[in-house]
Amino acid sequence: MKRDKELENNPEFREYRRKMHQSLVNPDDNPVTREEEARAETGRKPTLMQYLFGAFMIVVYVGMGILLMIGFLGEPTNLLWKICNYVVGVILVIYGIWRAIRLVFGLDTRL
């Protein structure tokens, strides 16, 4: 108990507590939001390699989706596998389109 009171009076300890436990000291101050705002203020633009990699991945996702839907990898004999090919193909094409939208408009989401 005595040690706790000594710590409370220590300015270094108060500064440590303020830095490390901001949610307890000020619950309205969200450190994650501040970091996101700081990142947005810096205006960091993606590099050319990031754009090229993003475009390449869009081609891969849409291409694999189309190849699955047209049966390029082998026509499945079972109806269940045929349905799975179409479902996965559609999902890949939709995800490729989503990545293209994010690349074109510069959206940085955490989905």
N, C-alpha and C. Protein backbone atom coordinates (compact mmCIF):
# COMPACT_ATOMS: atom_id res chain seq x y z
N MET A 1 0.80 -1.19 0.00
CA MET A 1 0.00 0.00 0.00
C MET A 1 0.85 1.26 0.00
N LYS A 2 1.87 1.24 0.85
CA LYS A 2 2.73 2.40 0.95
C LYS A 2 3.45 2.63 -0.39
N ARG A 3 3.85 1.53 -1.02
CA ARG A 3 4.56 1.63 -2.30
C ARG A 3 3.65 2.21 -3.37
N ASP A 4 2.37 1.84 -3.36
CA ASP A 4 1.43 2.37 -4.34
C ASP A 4 1.28 3.88 -4.21
N LYS A 5 1.24 4.36 -3.00
CA LYS A 5 1.11 5.81 -2.78
C LYS A 5 2.37 6.54 -3.24
N GLU A 6 3.52 5.91 -3.03
CA GLU A 6 4.77 6.51 -3.50
C GLU A 6 4.79 6.58 -5.02
N LEU A 7 4.29 5.55 -5.66
CA LEU A 7 4.24 5.55 -7.12
C LEU A 7 3.28 6.61 -7.64
N GLU A 8 2.17 6.78 -7.00
CA GLU A 8 1.20 7.78 -7.44
C GLU A 8 1.78 9.18 -7.39
N ASN A 9 2.66 9.43 -6.47
CA ASN A 9 3.26 10.75 -6.33
C ASN A 9 4.47 10.95 -7.25
N ASN A 10 4.94 9.88 -7.84
CA ASN A 10 6.12 9.95 -8.71
C ASN A 10 5.70 10.50 -10.09
N PRO A 11 6.29 11.62 -10.54
CA PRO A 11 5.89 12.19 -11.83
C PRO A 11 6.23 11.28 -13.02
N GLU A 12 7.32 10.52 -12.93
CA GLU A 12 7.66 9.61 -14.02
C GLU A 12 6.60 8.51 -14.16
N PHE A 13 6.13 8.02 -13.02
CA PHE A 13 5.10 6.99 -13.07
C PHE A 13 3.80 7.55 -13.63
N ARG A 14 3.45 8.77 -13.26
CA ARG A 14 2.22 9.37 -13.81
C ARG A 14 2.33 9.55 -15.32
N GLU A 15 3.50 9.96 -15.77
CA GLU A 15 3.70 10.11 -17.22
C GLU A 15 3.62 8.76 -17.92
N TYR A 16 4.20 7.74 -17.33
CA TYR A 16 4.12 6.38 -17.88
C TYR A 16 2.66 5.93 -17.96
N ARG A 17 1.93 6.13 -16.89
CA ARG A 17 0.52 5.71 -16.88
C ARG A 17 -0.28 6.47 -17.93
N ARG A 18 0.02 7.76 -18.08
CA ARG A 18 -0.70 8.56 -19.07
C ARG A 18 -0.43 8.03 -20.47
N LYS A 19 0.82 7.67 -20.77
CA LYS A 19 1.16 7.18 -22.10
C LYS A 19 0.64 5.78 -22.36
N MET A 20 0.80 4.91 -21.40
CA MET A 20 0.48 3.49 -21.61
C MET A 20 -0.99 3.17 -21.42
N HIS A 21 -1.69 3.95 -20.65
CA HIS A 21 -3.09 3.65 -20.34
C HIS A 21 -3.98 4.84 -20.67
N GLN A 22 -3.89 5.31 -21.90
CA GLN A 22 -4.66 6.49 -22.26
C GLN A 22 -6.15 6.23 -22.24
N SER A 23 -6.56 5.00 -22.53
CA SER A 23 -8.00 4.72 -22.52
C SER A 23 -8.57 4.86 -21.12
N LEU A 24 -7.74 4.63 -20.09
CA LEU A 24 -8.22 4.79 -18.72
C LEU A 24 -8.23 6.26 -18.31
N VAL A 25 -7.22 6.99 -18.77
CA VAL A 25 -7.09 8.39 -18.39
C VAL A 25 -8.10 9.24 -19.14
N ASN A 26 -8.21 9.01 -20.46
CA ASN A 26 -9.12 9.79 -21.29
C ASN A 26 -9.82 8.83 -22.25
N PRO A 27 -10.98 8.28 -21.89
CA PRO A 27 -11.62 7.28 -22.73
C PRO A 27 -12.09 7.81 -24.08
N ASP A 28 -12.30 9.12 -24.21
CA ASP A 28 -12.74 9.67 -25.49
C ASP A 28 -11.61 9.79 -26.49
N ASP A 29 -10.37 9.75 -26.04
CA ASP A 29 -9.21 9.89 -26.91
C ASP A 29 -8.79 8.51 -27.40
N ASN A 30 -9.08 8.20 -28.64
CA ASN A 30 -8.80 6.88 -29.21
C ASN A 30 -7.45 6.93 -29.93
N PRO A 31 -6.41 6.23 -29.44
CA PRO A 31 -5.11 6.30 -30.09
C PRO A 31 -5.11 5.71 -31.50
N VAL A 32 -5.98 4.74 -31.78
CA VAL A 32 -6.03 4.17 -33.13
C VAL A 32 -6.51 5.20 -34.12
N THR A 33 -7.52 5.98 -33.75
CA THR A 33 -8.03 7.01 -34.62
C THR A 33 -6.96 8.06 -34.90
N ARG A 34 -6.20 8.42 -33.88
CA ARG A 34 -5.12 9.39 -34.08
C ARG A 34 -4.09 8.87 -35.06
N GLU A 35 -3.74 7.59 -34.97
CA GLU A 35 -2.76 7.02 -35.90
C GLU A 35 -3.29 7.03 -37.32
N GLU A 36 -4.56 6.69 -37.50
CA GLU A 36 -5.14 6.71 -38.84
C GLU A 36 -5.17 8.13 -39.40
N GLU A 37 -5.50 9.10 -38.56
CA GLU A 37 -5.52 10.48 -39.01
C GLU A 37 -4.12 10.95 -39.38
N ALA A 38 -3.13 10.55 -38.61
CA ALA A 38 -1.75 10.95 -38.91
C ALA A 38 -1.30 10.32 -40.23
N ARG A 39 -1.69 9.07 -40.46
CA ARG A 39 -1.32 8.41 -41.72
C ARG A 39 -1.99 9.09 -42.90
N ALA A 40 -3.23 9.52 -42.73
CA ALA A 40 -3.96 10.19 -43.80
C ALA A 40 -3.36 11.57 -44.08
N GLU A 41 -2.87 12.23 -43.04
CA GLU A 41 -2.30 13.56 -43.21
C GLU A 41 -0.97 13.52 -43.97
N THR A 42 -0.22 12.43 -43.82
CA THR A 42 1.07 12.36 -44.50
C THR A 42 0.88 12.25 -46.00
N GLY A 43 -0.26 11.75 -46.46
CA GLY A 43 -0.51 11.68 -47.89
C GLY A 43 0.39 10.69 -48.59
N ARG A 44 0.69 9.59 -47.96
CA ARG A 44 1.59 8.60 -48.55
C ARG A 44 0.91 7.97 -49.76
N LYS A 45 1.54 8.09 -50.92
CA LYS A 45 1.01 7.55 -52.16
C LYS A 45 1.65 6.19 -52.42
N PRO A 46 0.88 5.26 -53.00
CA PRO A 46 1.46 3.97 -53.36
C PRO A 46 2.53 4.14 -54.44
N THR A 47 3.51 3.27 -54.40
CA THR A 47 4.58 3.33 -55.38
C THR A 47 4.14 2.65 -56.66
N LEU A 48 4.94 2.78 -57.70
CA LEU A 48 4.64 2.15 -58.99
C LEU A 48 4.58 0.64 -58.85
N MET A 49 5.47 0.07 -58.05
CA MET A 49 5.47 -1.38 -57.87
C MET A 49 4.19 -1.85 -57.18
N GLN A 50 3.67 -1.06 -56.26
CA GLN A 50 2.42 -1.43 -55.61
C GLN A 50 1.26 -1.39 -56.60
N TYR A 51 1.26 -0.40 -57.50
CA TYR A 51 0.22 -0.36 -58.53
C TYR A 51 0.35 -1.55 -59.47
N LEU A 52 1.57 -1.86 -59.89
CA LEU A 52 1.77 -2.99 -60.80
C LEU A 52 1.38 -4.31 -60.15
N PHE A 53 1.75 -4.50 -58.90
CA PHE A 53 1.38 -5.72 -58.20
C PHE A 53 -0.13 -5.80 -58.03
N GLY A 54 -0.77 -4.69 -57.71
CA GLY A 54 -2.22 -4.67 -57.58
C GLY A 54 -2.91 -5.01 -58.88
N ALA A 55 -2.42 -4.46 -60.00
CA ALA A 55 -3.00 -4.77 -61.31
C ALA A 55 -2.78 -6.24 -61.66
N PHE A 56 -1.60 -6.75 -61.37
CA PHE A 56 -1.31 -8.17 -61.63
C PHE A 56 -2.25 -9.07 -60.84
N MET A 57 -2.49 -8.75 -59.59
CA MET A 57 -3.36 -9.58 -58.76
C MET A 57 -4.81 -9.50 -59.25
N ILE A 58 -5.23 -8.35 -59.77
CA ILE A 58 -6.57 -8.24 -60.33
C ILE A 58 -6.71 -9.19 -61.51
N VAL A 59 -5.70 -9.21 -62.38
CA VAL A 59 -5.72 -10.11 -63.54
C VAL A 59 -5.76 -11.57 -63.07
N VAL A 60 -5.01 -11.90 -62.04
CA VAL A 60 -4.98 -13.27 -61.54
C VAL A 60 -6.35 -13.67 -60.99
N TYR A 61 -6.96 -12.82 -60.17
CA TYR A 61 -8.25 -13.17 -59.57
C TYR A 61 -9.34 -13.30 -60.64
N VAL A 62 -9.45 -12.31 -61.51
CA VAL A 62 -10.49 -12.36 -62.53
C VAL A 62 -10.22 -13.50 -63.50
N GLY A 63 -8.95 -13.68 -63.88
CA GLY A 63 -8.61 -14.76 -64.80
C GLY A 63 -8.92 -16.13 -64.23
N MET A 64 -8.55 -16.37 -62.99
CA MET A 64 -8.84 -17.67 -62.38
C MET A 64 -10.34 -17.89 -62.23
N GLY A 65 -11.06 -16.85 -61.92
CA GLY A 65 -12.52 -16.97 -61.82
C GLY A 65 -13.14 -17.36 -63.14
N ILE A 66 -12.70 -16.70 -64.21
CA ILE A 66 -13.24 -17.03 -65.54
C ILE A 66 -12.84 -18.44 -65.96
N LEU A 67 -11.57 -18.81 -65.70
CA LEU A 67 -11.13 -20.16 -66.06
C LEU A 67 -11.93 -21.23 -65.31
N LEU A 68 -12.25 -20.99 -64.07
CA LEU A 68 -13.07 -21.94 -63.32
C LEU A 68 -14.48 -22.04 -63.89
N MET A 69 -15.05 -20.91 -64.28
CA MET A 69 -16.43 -20.91 -64.77
C MET A 69 -16.56 -21.55 -66.15
N ILE A 70 -15.53 -21.42 -67.00
CA ILE A 70 -15.65 -22.02 -68.34
C ILE A 70 -15.16 -23.46 -68.36
N GLY A 71 -14.64 -23.96 -67.26
CA GLY A 71 -14.20 -25.35 -67.20
C GLY A 71 -12.86 -25.61 -67.85
N PHE A 72 -11.99 -24.62 -67.86
CA PHE A 72 -10.68 -24.76 -68.50
C PHE A 72 -9.80 -25.77 -67.77
N LEU A 73 -9.96 -25.88 -66.48
CA LEU A 73 -9.12 -26.78 -65.70
C LEU A 73 -9.63 -28.21 -65.69
N GLY A 74 -10.61 -28.50 -66.49
CA GLY A 74 -11.20 -29.84 -66.55
C GLY A 74 -12.65 -29.76 -66.14
N GLU A 75 -13.49 -30.35 -66.95
CA GLU A 75 -14.92 -30.33 -66.68
C GLU A 75 -15.24 -31.34 -65.58
N PRO A 76 -15.75 -30.89 -64.44
CA PRO A 76 -16.06 -31.84 -63.37
C PRO A 76 -17.24 -32.74 -63.76
N THR A 77 -17.16 -34.00 -63.37
CA THR A 77 -18.23 -34.94 -63.70
C THR A 77 -19.35 -34.87 -62.67
N ASN A 78 -19.05 -34.54 -61.47
CA ASN A 78 -20.03 -34.48 -60.40
C ASN A 78 -20.71 -33.11 -60.42
N LEU A 79 -22.02 -33.08 -60.24
CA LEU A 79 -22.78 -31.84 -60.24
C LEU A 79 -22.35 -30.91 -59.11
N LEU A 80 -22.03 -31.49 -57.94
CA LEU A 80 -21.60 -30.68 -56.80
C LEU A 80 -20.30 -29.94 -57.12
N TRP A 81 -19.34 -30.61 -57.77
CA TRP A 81 -18.09 -29.94 -58.12
C TRP A 81 -18.31 -28.88 -59.18
N LYS A 82 -19.24 -29.11 -60.08
CA LYS A 82 -19.54 -28.10 -61.10
C LYS A 82 -20.11 -26.84 -60.44
N ILE A 83 -21.00 -27.03 -59.47
CA ILE A 83 -21.57 -25.90 -58.74
C ILE A 83 -20.48 -25.17 -57.96
N CYS A 84 -19.58 -25.93 -57.33
CA CYS A 84 -18.47 -25.31 -56.58
C CYS A 84 -17.58 -24.49 -57.51
N ASN A 85 -17.32 -25.01 -58.72
CA ASN A 85 -16.50 -24.26 -59.68
C ASN A 85 -17.15 -22.92 -60.01
N TYR A 86 -18.45 -22.93 -60.27
CA TYR A 86 -19.13 -21.68 -60.60
C TYR A 86 -19.15 -20.72 -59.41
N VAL A 87 -19.42 -21.24 -58.23
CA VAL A 87 -19.49 -20.37 -57.05
C VAL A 87 -18.13 -19.73 -56.77
N VAL A 88 -17.08 -20.55 -56.76
CA VAL A 88 -15.74 -20.01 -56.50
C VAL A 88 -15.31 -19.07 -57.63
N GLY A 89 -15.67 -19.41 -58.87
CA GLY A 89 -15.35 -18.54 -59.99
C GLY A 89 -16.00 -17.17 -59.87
N VAL A 90 -17.27 -17.16 -59.50
CA VAL A 90 -17.98 -15.88 -59.33
C VAL A 90 -17.37 -15.08 -58.18
N ILE A 91 -17.05 -15.75 -57.10
CA ILE A 91 -16.44 -15.06 -55.95
C ILE A 91 -15.10 -14.45 -56.35
N LEU A 92 -14.28 -15.18 -57.10
CA LEU A 92 -12.99 -14.64 -57.52
C LEU A 92 -13.16 -13.44 -58.45
N VAL A 93 -14.11 -13.51 -59.36
CA VAL A 93 -14.33 -12.38 -60.27
C VAL A 93 -14.82 -11.16 -59.49
N ILE A 94 -15.73 -11.36 -58.57
CA ILE A 94 -16.23 -10.24 -57.75
C ILE A 94 -15.10 -9.64 -56.92
N TYR A 95 -14.26 -10.49 -56.33
CA TYR A 95 -13.15 -9.97 -55.53
C TYR A 95 -12.14 -9.22 -56.42
N GLY A 96 -11.91 -9.72 -57.62
CA GLY A 96 -11.03 -9.01 -58.55
C GLY A 96 -11.57 -7.64 -58.91
N ILE A 97 -12.88 -7.56 -59.11
CA ILE A 97 -13.50 -6.26 -59.40
C ILE A 97 -13.38 -5.34 -58.19
N TRP A 98 -13.58 -5.87 -57.00
CA TRP A 98 -13.43 -5.07 -55.77
C TRP A 98 -12.01 -4.53 -55.64
N ARG A 99 -11.02 -5.38 -55.93
CA ARG A 99 -9.63 -4.91 -55.87
C ARG A 99 -9.37 -3.84 -56.91
N ALA A 100 -9.97 -3.97 -58.09
CA ALA A 100 -9.80 -2.95 -59.13
C ALA A 100 -10.39 -1.62 -58.69
N ILE A 101 -11.56 -1.66 -58.07
CA ILE A 101 -12.18 -0.43 -57.58
C ILE A 101 -11.29 0.22 -56.52
N ARG A 102 -10.76 -0.59 -55.60
CA ARG A 102 -9.87 -0.04 -54.57
C ARG A 102 -8.61 0.56 -55.18
N LEU A 103 -8.07 -0.09 -56.22
CA LEU A 103 -6.86 0.42 -56.85
C LEU A 103 -7.12 1.72 -57.58
N VAL A 104 -8.22 1.78 -58.32
CA VAL A 104 -8.51 2.98 -59.12
C VAL A 104 -8.84 4.18 -58.24
N PHE A 105 -9.65 3.97 -57.22
CA PHE A 105 -10.08 5.09 -56.37
C PHE A 105 -9.17 5.32 -55.18
N GLY A 106 -8.17 4.48 -54.98
CA GLY A 106 -7.21 4.69 -53.90
C GLY A 106 -7.78 4.41 -52.52
N LEU A 107 -8.74 3.50 -52.45
CA LEU A 107 -9.33 3.18 -51.14
C LEU A 107 -8.40 2.28 -50.38
N ASP A 108 -8.22 2.57 -49.10
CA ASP A 108 -7.40 1.73 -48.23
C ASP A 108 -8.29 1.27 -47.10
N THR A 109 -8.93 0.11 -47.29
CA THR A 109 -9.84 -0.39 -46.28
C THR A 109 -9.23 -1.57 -45.57
N ARG A 110 -9.75 -1.86 -44.40
CA ARG A 110 -9.26 -2.99 -43.62
C ARG A 110 -10.33 -4.08 -43.56
N LEU A 111 -10.80 -4.47 -44.71
CA LEU A 111 -11.81 -5.53 -44.75
C LEU A 111 -11.18 -6.88 -44.86
